Amino acid sequence: MRGINELIDDMIKAVNGISPSLGLGEEGEKAALLLALLKDRLKHPDGPLAVVMCGPTGAGKSHLFNFLVGEDISPSSYKRPSTVAPVLAASPETSSAVNKADFLPDYKKIATKSPISFEIGDDRRLYTAEVKTPPWGWPPELALIDAPDFDSVMEKNQSQATDMARRADAVILVAHQAKYADQSAWDFLEEEKKRDRPLLVILNRVTAEAVEADFSARLEALNIKAALLTWPEEGAAEQTPVNAARGELTRWLTGLSARSREITAENGRRETARLGELMRGEIISRLTARENELTRRLGDVRRLTAEWTANPQKHLSLNLPGEMKEALMKNLGETVRRSDLWAGPRRVISRPFALVGEQLKKLFNDDPKAASNLAD
C-alpha cells in the first residue's frame, strides 16, 4: 500500500492542477501549503519540537537566542537586519534528527560554528549549530530557531520569518519595550491566535512596570492566549530580575518538552481541521459548482445529439450517403451518452482524500503509539 506521504503528494498535485481552471488563486496556494506542512509533520512525529523565536527588527531576539544557546551563534548588533537567514541550535541528542532531509525540508542546511558569517544567496538557507545545552537553557529535546525579522525591509527576511512561524511547533515572540505597540507585532499575534499553538511573549528590556501592564491589557482585550514574560534591561548592578526571568523561560521550555507528544498531536489535529475547513469551504464547493456546470453542458450536448440523430438532414448538411451519415450520428450519440467528462478529475481528487483520511485518523487519535507506527 502506498504511504501517506505519497498520497499527500497526489493531493498537492491535484490541488495545483485544478487551481487555474477553478480560479482558486490564494485558496489553492493555502491548501497546497497546508498539505505540505502536514506532510512535513507526518514525516517526523517523533522528531524534536521546533521552537521558533520571532520578532520585529531590533527587538533583541537574537540576543535572547544566544543567551539560551550559551554561545554567540546568531549575529546580534546595531546593524539592521542582523539575522538574514534562520539559525537553528540543536543539542548533540537531537542534531542527527535535525539534519535529516525531512526535518524542515525545502531548506538548504548549512552546518556552522559560532559566530555565523551569512553567505550571500537567494536560496533558502538554514544554518545549524550543534551546541551543548547550558544549565539555564532549553531542554535538549527541543530545536531552537532564531528566525529573521518579520518586518524587515528585506522581502526575503519577511518570507522566511513567516514560513518558519508556520512550521513551528511552538513560538516565542520577542517584543521591545520601545516597539511593543508596532502594528507588525500585533498582526503576527493575530495570526498566532488562529493557530492556537504554545505561545510565549517576551517583553524585552523593560524599565517601566506600566509597559507590562499595558501590554498584558492589550493581549487580554484581543483574547490572545499567551504566556507573558518580562525581560529586564540587562547590565544593571542588580541581577536578581534577570535570574528570575531566566528561570521562568527555562520552566516554560521544560514544560514544552514534557508535553512534546501531546503538542505534536494537537498541532496536527488543528492543521488537519484547518485544511478540512478550507477544502469544504472553498475548493470542494467550487468543484461541485464546476461539476454541476459540466453536467448541464453534457445534458445540452446529449439533447442536441438526440435531435441530430432523430433528424440528421435538418441539423447537419454532409455530402455523405444516407447509411454512412446515419451510422456516424449514431456513433456520435453513443459516445456522448457513455462519456463522463468529470470522471477523470473526480477520481484524481476524491481518491487521495479518501485514502489519506484513514491514515490521518490513525495518526491523530489518542493512541500514543499510532504516530510512531505510521512513521515506520
Protein backbone atom coordinates (compact mmCIF):
# COMPACT_ATOMS: atom_id res chain seq x y z
CA MET A 1 0.00 0.00 0.00
CA ARG A 2 1.23 3.46 -0.78
CA GLY A 3 2.36 5.58 2.15
CA ILE A 4 0.63 8.67 3.46
CA ASN A 5 3.35 10.96 2.09
CA GLU A 6 2.76 9.70 -1.45
CA LEU A 7 -0.98 10.20 -1.00
CA ILE A 8 -0.48 13.76 0.19
CA ASP A 9 1.77 14.32 -2.84
CA ASP A 10 -1.18 13.22 -5.01
CA MET A 11 -3.40 15.69 -3.22
CA ILE A 12 -0.93 18.53 -3.70
CA LYS A 13 -0.66 17.75 -7.43
CA ALA A 14 -4.43 17.56 -7.71
CA VAL A 15 -4.95 20.91 -5.98
CA ASN A 16 -2.25 22.58 -8.07
CA GLY A 17 -3.71 21.02 -11.20
CA ILE A 18 -7.26 22.26 -10.70
CA SER A 19 -6.42 25.67 -9.23
CA PRO A 20 -6.05 27.51 -12.58
CA SER A 21 -9.28 26.17 -14.07
CA LEU A 22 -11.26 26.82 -10.89
CA GLY A 23 -9.69 30.21 -10.28
CA LEU A 24 -8.70 29.22 -6.74
CA GLY A 25 -5.79 31.63 -6.51
CA GLU A 26 -4.94 32.26 -2.85
CA GLU A 27 -7.21 29.44 -1.62
CA GLY A 28 -5.35 26.92 -3.78
CA GLU A 29 -1.99 28.17 -2.52
CA LYS A 30 -3.18 27.89 1.10
CA ALA A 31 -4.41 24.34 0.54
CA ALA A 32 -1.14 23.27 -1.08
CA LEU A 33 0.81 24.91 1.76
CA LEU A 34 -1.26 23.23 4.49
CA LEU A 35 -0.80 19.88 2.78
CA ALA A 36 2.95 20.42 2.55
CA LEU A 37 3.13 21.40 6.23
CA LEU A 38 1.08 18.36 7.19
CA LYS A 39 3.38 16.14 5.17
CA ASP A 40 6.43 17.60 6.93
CA ARG A 41 4.87 16.93 10.33
CA LEU A 42 3.87 13.36 9.48
CA LYS A 43 7.40 12.51 8.38
CA HIS A 44 8.91 13.02 11.82
CA PRO A 45 6.23 12.60 14.52
CA ASP A 46 8.94 11.65 17.00
CA GLY A 47 11.37 14.37 15.95
CA PRO A 48 12.36 17.34 18.12
CA LEU A 49 9.90 20.14 18.71
CA ALA A 50 10.77 23.20 16.65
CA VAL A 51 10.57 26.30 18.84
CA VAL A 52 10.91 29.42 16.69
CA MET A 53 11.85 32.82 18.08
CA CYS A 54 10.20 35.60 16.06
CA GLY A 55 10.11 39.34 16.34
CA PRO A 56 10.46 42.71 14.64
CA THR A 57 13.75 44.36 13.81
CA GLY A 58 15.79 45.43 16.82
CA ALA A 59 13.66 43.64 19.43
CA GLY A 60 16.67 41.76 20.83
CA LYS A 61 15.54 38.38 19.55
CA SER A 62 18.99 37.15 18.56
CA HIS A 63 20.47 38.34 21.84
CA LEU A 64 17.99 36.21 23.81
CA PHE A 65 18.54 33.30 21.42
CA ASN A 66 22.28 33.41 22.09
CA PHE A 67 21.60 33.62 25.81
CA LEU A 68 19.56 30.41 25.69
CA VAL A 69 22.09 28.67 23.47
CA GLY A 70 25.01 29.71 25.67
CA GLU A 71 27.08 30.85 22.68
CA ASP A 72 27.10 33.89 20.39
CA ILE A 73 25.89 31.97 17.35
CA SER A 74 23.32 34.28 15.76
CA PRO A 75 24.68 37.74 14.86
CA SER A 76 23.40 40.44 17.20
CA SER A 77 24.43 44.03 16.66
CA TYR A 78 23.29 47.54 15.77
CA LYS A 79 23.23 46.55 12.10
CA ARG A 80 19.71 46.06 10.74
CA PRO A 81 18.73 43.46 9.89
CA SER A 82 21.24 41.26 11.70
CA THR A 83 19.64 37.88 11.07
CA VAL A 84 19.21 37.35 7.32
CA ALA A 85 18.51 33.59 7.44
CA PRO A 86 17.09 31.17 10.03
CA VAL A 87 19.61 29.90 12.60
CA LEU A 88 18.95 26.60 14.39
CA ALA A 89 20.63 25.39 17.55
CA ALA A 90 20.40 21.73 18.49
CA SER A 91 21.89 19.66 21.27
CA PRO A 92 24.02 16.59 20.44
CA GLU A 93 20.98 14.45 21.32
CA THR A 94 18.82 15.98 18.57
CA SER A 95 21.33 17.12 15.94
CA SER A 96 21.05 13.91 13.90
CA ALA A 97 17.24 14.24 13.68
CA VAL A 98 17.53 17.92 12.79
CA ASN A 99 19.89 17.20 9.90
CA LYS A 100 17.58 14.67 8.27
CA ALA A 101 16.24 15.76 4.90
CA ASP A 102 12.61 15.53 6.06
CA PHE A 103 13.07 17.92 9.00
CA LEU A 104 12.20 21.42 7.76
CA PRO A 105 12.58 20.38 4.12
CA ASP A 106 12.97 22.89 1.31
CA TYR A 107 15.82 24.48 3.24
CA LYS A 108 19.50 24.01 2.49
CA LYS A 109 21.04 23.10 5.83
CA ILE A 110 24.48 24.60 6.44
CA ALA A 111 26.43 23.35 9.45
CA THR A 112 28.12 26.28 11.13
CA LYS A 113 30.22 27.34 14.07
CA SER A 114 29.82 30.50 16.12
CA PRO A 115 29.74 33.24 15.17
CA ILE A 116 27.86 32.80 11.90
CA SER A 117 29.01 34.53 8.77
CA PHE A 118 25.98 34.57 6.49
CA GLU A 119 26.58 33.65 2.87
CA ILE A 120 25.07 35.74 0.12
CA GLY A 121 22.39 33.95 -1.87
CA ASP A 122 18.69 33.93 -2.62
CA ASP A 123 18.16 30.24 -1.95
CA ARG A 124 16.53 29.16 1.32
CA ARG A 125 19.29 28.51 3.83
CA LEU A 126 19.05 27.16 7.35
CA TYR A 127 22.19 27.49 9.44
CA THR A 128 22.52 24.72 12.01
CA ALA A 129 24.81 24.59 15.03
CA GLU A 130 25.30 21.73 17.47
CA VAL A 131 25.79 23.11 20.98
CA LYS A 132 25.89 21.77 24.48
CA THR A 133 22.81 22.81 26.38
CA PRO A 134 23.72 25.26 29.17
CA PRO A 135 22.18 24.67 32.60
CA TRP A 136 19.85 27.66 32.20
CA GLY A 137 18.98 26.93 28.60
CA TRP A 138 16.40 24.81 26.86
CA PRO A 139 15.75 21.05 27.16
CA PRO A 140 17.87 19.01 24.72
CA GLU A 141 14.73 17.54 23.10
CA LEU A 142 13.90 20.92 21.55
CA ALA A 143 15.33 22.57 18.45
CA LEU A 144 15.59 26.32 18.95
CA ILE A 145 15.41 28.56 15.87
CA ASP A 146 16.19 32.25 15.51
CA ALA A 147 14.04 33.47 12.60
CA PRO A 148 14.70 36.60 10.54
CA ASP A 149 12.74 39.72 11.49
CA PHE A 150 9.19 39.71 10.13
CA ASP A 151 9.06 43.50 9.49
CA SER A 152 12.36 43.71 7.62
CA VAL A 153 12.97 45.91 4.60
CA MET A 154 14.27 42.70 3.01
CA GLU A 155 11.36 40.80 1.48
CA LYS A 156 13.26 37.52 1.78
CA ASN A 157 13.52 38.02 5.54
CA GLN A 158 9.78 38.54 5.85
CA SER A 159 9.05 35.47 3.75
CA GLN A 160 11.36 33.20 5.72
CA ALA A 161 10.11 34.53 9.06
CA THR A 162 6.53 33.78 8.03
CA ASP A 163 7.46 30.32 6.78
CA MET A 164 9.38 29.41 9.93
CA ALA A 165 6.45 30.55 12.07
CA ARG A 166 4.09 28.33 10.05
CA ARG A 167 6.30 25.28 10.50
CA ALA A 168 6.91 25.77 14.22
CA ASP A 169 5.54 23.56 16.98
CA ALA A 170 5.77 26.45 19.45
CA VAL A 171 6.56 30.15 19.08
CA ILE A 172 8.36 32.77 21.17
CA LEU A 173 7.59 36.35 20.18
CA VAL A 174 10.14 38.91 21.34
CA ALA A 175 8.83 42.47 21.58
CA HIS A 176 10.85 45.51 22.66
CA GLN A 177 9.62 48.00 25.24
CA ALA A 178 10.03 50.82 22.73
CA LYS A 179 8.22 48.97 19.92
CA TYR A 180 5.62 46.75 21.58
CA ALA A 181 2.75 48.75 20.09
CA ASP A 182 4.03 48.48 16.50
CA GLN A 183 1.39 47.05 14.16
CA SER A 184 3.64 44.28 12.82
CA ALA A 185 3.83 42.58 16.23
CA TRP A 186 0.06 42.61 16.66
CA ASP A 187 -0.54 41.35 13.12
CA PHE A 188 1.76 38.45 13.99
CA LEU A 189 -0.14 37.79 17.22
CA GLU A 190 -3.47 37.77 15.37
CA GLU A 191 -2.15 35.03 13.09
CA GLU A 192 -0.89 33.06 16.08
CA LYS A 193 -4.32 33.38 17.66
CA LYS A 194 -5.75 31.40 14.74
CA ARG A 195 -3.15 28.64 15.10
CA ASP A 196 -3.63 28.26 18.86
CA ARG A 197 -0.17 26.79 19.50
CA PRO A 198 2.03 27.16 22.58
CA LEU A 199 2.99 30.83 22.54
CA LEU A 200 5.28 32.81 24.81
CA VAL A 201 5.61 36.58 24.51
CA ILE A 202 8.80 38.09 25.91
CA LEU A 203 8.59 41.82 26.53
CA ASN A 204 12.27 42.69 26.28
CA ARG A 205 14.40 45.34 28.01
CA VAL A 206 11.64 46.64 30.23
CA THR A 207 12.42 49.53 32.54
CA ALA A 208 8.87 50.68 33.35
CA GLU A 209 6.28 48.48 35.08
CA ALA A 210 3.47 50.28 33.27
CA VAL A 211 4.64 48.78 29.97
CA GLU A 212 3.95 45.23 31.13
CA ALA A 213 0.51 46.21 32.43
CA ASP A 214 -0.41 47.93 29.17
CA PHE A 215 0.87 45.05 27.04
CA SER A 216 -1.00 42.49 29.14
CA ALA A 217 -4.21 44.50 28.85
CA ARG A 218 -3.88 44.61 25.07
CA LEU A 219 -3.41 40.83 24.92
CA GLU A 220 -6.49 40.29 27.07
CA ALA A 221 -8.59 42.72 25.03
CA LEU A 222 -7.79 40.81 21.84
CA ASN A 223 -8.33 37.45 23.56
CA ILE A 224 -4.82 36.32 22.68
CA LYS A 225 -3.81 33.42 24.91
CA ALA A 226 -0.10 33.66 25.53
CA ALA A 227 2.27 33.35 28.43
CA LEU A 228 3.87 36.74 29.10
CA LEU A 229 7.40 37.12 30.38
CA THR A 230 9.10 40.42 31.17
CA TRP A 231 12.81 40.53 30.47
CA PRO A 232 14.53 43.40 32.30
CA GLU A 233 17.21 45.66 30.93
CA GLU A 234 20.48 43.76 31.33
CA GLY A 235 23.75 45.16 32.60
CA ALA A 236 22.32 46.62 35.75
CA ALA A 237 24.05 46.06 39.05
CA GLU A 238 21.11 44.03 40.34
CA GLN A 239 20.96 40.66 38.57
CA THR A 240 18.01 39.24 40.52
CA PRO A 241 15.37 40.26 37.92
CA VAL A 242 17.43 38.71 35.11
CA ASN A 243 17.87 35.47 37.05
CA ALA A 244 14.14 35.35 37.78
CA ALA A 245 13.25 35.89 34.09
CA ARG A 246 15.78 33.24 33.08
CA GLY A 247 14.16 30.75 35.44
CA GLU A 248 10.67 31.45 34.06
CA LEU A 249 11.86 30.99 30.48
CA THR A 250 13.58 27.70 31.29
CA ARG A 251 10.44 26.42 33.04
CA TRP A 252 8.28 27.28 30.03
CA LEU A 253 10.62 25.43 27.69
CA THR A 254 10.82 22.46 30.05
CA GLY A 255 7.03 22.32 30.03
CA LEU A 256 7.07 22.10 26.24
CA SER A 257 9.47 19.18 26.36
CA ALA A 258 7.28 17.33 28.85
CA ARG A 259 4.27 17.71 26.53
CA SER A 260 6.07 17.16 23.24
CA ARG A 261 3.92 14.23 22.07
CA GLU A 262 0.72 15.97 23.10
CA ILE A 263 1.75 19.22 21.39
CA THR A 264 2.62 17.41 18.16
CA ALA A 265 -0.75 15.65 18.11
CA GLU A 266 -2.69 18.82 18.94
CA ASN A 267 -0.93 20.83 16.25
CA GLY A 268 -1.57 18.06 13.74
CA ARG A 269 -5.25 17.95 14.56
CA ARG A 270 -5.56 21.71 14.21
CA GLU A 271 -3.74 21.75 10.87
CA THR A 272 -5.93 18.92 9.60
CA ALA A 273 -9.04 20.78 10.74
CA ARG A 274 -7.89 23.98 9.01
CA LEU A 275 -7.21 22.00 5.86
CA GLY A 276 -10.64 20.38 6.00
CA GLU A 277 -12.34 23.72 6.57
CA LEU A 278 -10.56 25.23 3.59
CA MET A 279 -11.36 22.23 1.40
CA ARG A 280 -15.04 22.21 2.32
CA GLY A 281 -15.47 25.96 2.28
CA GLU A 282 -13.62 26.82 -0.91
CA ILE A 283 -12.25 24.00 -3.03
CA ILE A 284 -14.96 21.33 -2.74
CA SER A 285 -17.71 23.90 -3.25
CA ARG A 286 -16.05 25.15 -6.41
CA LEU A 287 -15.52 21.58 -7.61
CA THR A 288 -19.20 20.88 -7.05
CA ALA A 289 -20.21 24.03 -8.93
CA ARG A 290 -17.93 23.11 -11.83
CA GLU A 291 -19.26 19.55 -11.87
CA ASN A 292 -22.83 20.85 -11.98
CA GLU A 293 -21.86 23.17 -14.81
CA LEU A 294 -20.27 20.33 -16.76
CA THR A 295 -23.31 18.14 -16.10
CA ARG A 296 -25.59 20.82 -17.54
CA ARG A 297 -23.39 21.23 -20.58
CA LEU A 298 -23.21 17.48 -21.07
CA GLY A 299 -27.01 17.39 -20.90
CA ASP A 300 -27.15 20.04 -23.64
CA VAL A 301 -24.76 18.00 -25.79
CA ARG A 302 -26.85 14.86 -25.31
CA ARG A 303 -30.04 16.73 -26.15
CA LEU A 304 -28.57 18.19 -29.33
CA THR A 305 -27.14 14.82 -30.27
CA ALA A 306 -30.53 13.21 -29.83
CA GLU A 307 -32.10 15.87 -32.05
CA TRP A 308 -29.41 15.38 -34.70
CA THR A 309 -29.78 11.62 -34.55
CA ALA A 310 -33.55 11.86 -34.94
CA ASN A 311 -33.36 14.19 -37.92
CA PRO A 312 -29.77 14.46 -39.24
CA GLN A 313 -30.84 16.09 -42.50
CA LYS A 314 -32.30 19.01 -40.61
CA HIS A 315 -29.27 19.75 -38.38
CA LEU A 316 -26.29 18.60 -40.36
CA SER A 317 -25.54 19.05 -44.00
CA LEU A 318 -22.96 16.49 -45.06
CA ASN A 319 -22.38 15.22 -48.57
CA LEU A 320 -22.42 11.59 -47.42
CA PRO A 321 -24.54 8.59 -48.33
CA GLY A 322 -27.58 8.17 -46.09
CA GLU A 323 -26.39 4.98 -44.37
CA MET A 324 -22.96 6.42 -43.61
CA LYS A 325 -24.45 9.62 -42.21
CA GLU A 326 -26.88 7.65 -40.06
CA ALA A 327 -24.10 5.44 -38.67
CA LEU A 328 -21.93 8.47 -37.95
CA MET A 329 -24.64 10.20 -35.97
CA LYS A 330 -25.49 7.02 -34.11
CA ASN A 331 -21.87 6.55 -33.04
CA LEU A 332 -21.62 10.19 -32.01
CA GLY A 333 -24.72 9.90 -29.89
CA GLU A 334 -23.50 6.70 -28.22
CA THR A 335 -20.11 8.24 -27.47
CA VAL A 336 -21.64 11.26 -25.81
CA ARG A 337 -24.16 9.13 -23.92
CA ARG A 338 -21.49 6.89 -22.43
CA SER A 339 -18.92 9.61 -21.66
CA ASP A 340 -18.47 11.26 -18.27
CA LEU A 341 -16.39 14.37 -18.71
CA TRP A 342 -15.87 14.66 -14.94
CA ALA A 343 -14.84 11.07 -14.19
CA GLY A 344 -11.10 11.64 -14.53
CA PRO A 345 -10.83 14.81 -12.44
CA ARG A 346 -13.19 13.35 -9.84
CA ARG A 347 -11.01 10.25 -9.37
CA VAL A 348 -7.86 12.36 -9.12
CA ILE A 349 -9.34 14.49 -6.36
CA SER A 350 -11.53 12.13 -4.36
CA ARG A 351 -9.37 9.01 -4.12
CA PRO A 352 -6.34 10.57 -2.41
CA PHE A 353 -8.62 12.42 0.03
CA ALA A 354 -10.47 9.23 0.91
CA LEU A 355 -7.30 7.21 1.43
CA VAL A 356 -5.42 9.83 3.40
CA GLY A 357 -8.37 10.34 5.71
CA GLU A 358 -7.95 6.91 7.26
CA GLN A 359 -4.23 7.47 7.75
CA LEU A 360 -4.85 10.81 9.47
CA LYS A 361 -7.25 9.15 11.88
CA LYS A 362 -4.55 6.67 12.81
CA LEU A 363 -2.03 9.41 13.45
CA PHE A 364 -4.14 11.89 15.35
CA ASN A 365 -6.13 9.61 17.63
CA ASP A 366 -5.47 9.14 21.33
CA ASP A 367 -3.11 6.19 20.89
CA PRO A 368 0.46 7.45 21.54
CA LYS A 369 1.86 4.51 19.55
CA ALA A 370 -0.07 5.39 16.40
CA ALA A 371 2.26 8.13 15.18
CA SER A 372 5.41 6.06 15.56
CA ASN A 373 3.75 3.07 13.90
CA LEU A 374 2.73 5.21 10.94
CA ALA A 375 6.20 6.70 10.66
CA ASP A 376 7.65 3.18 10.40
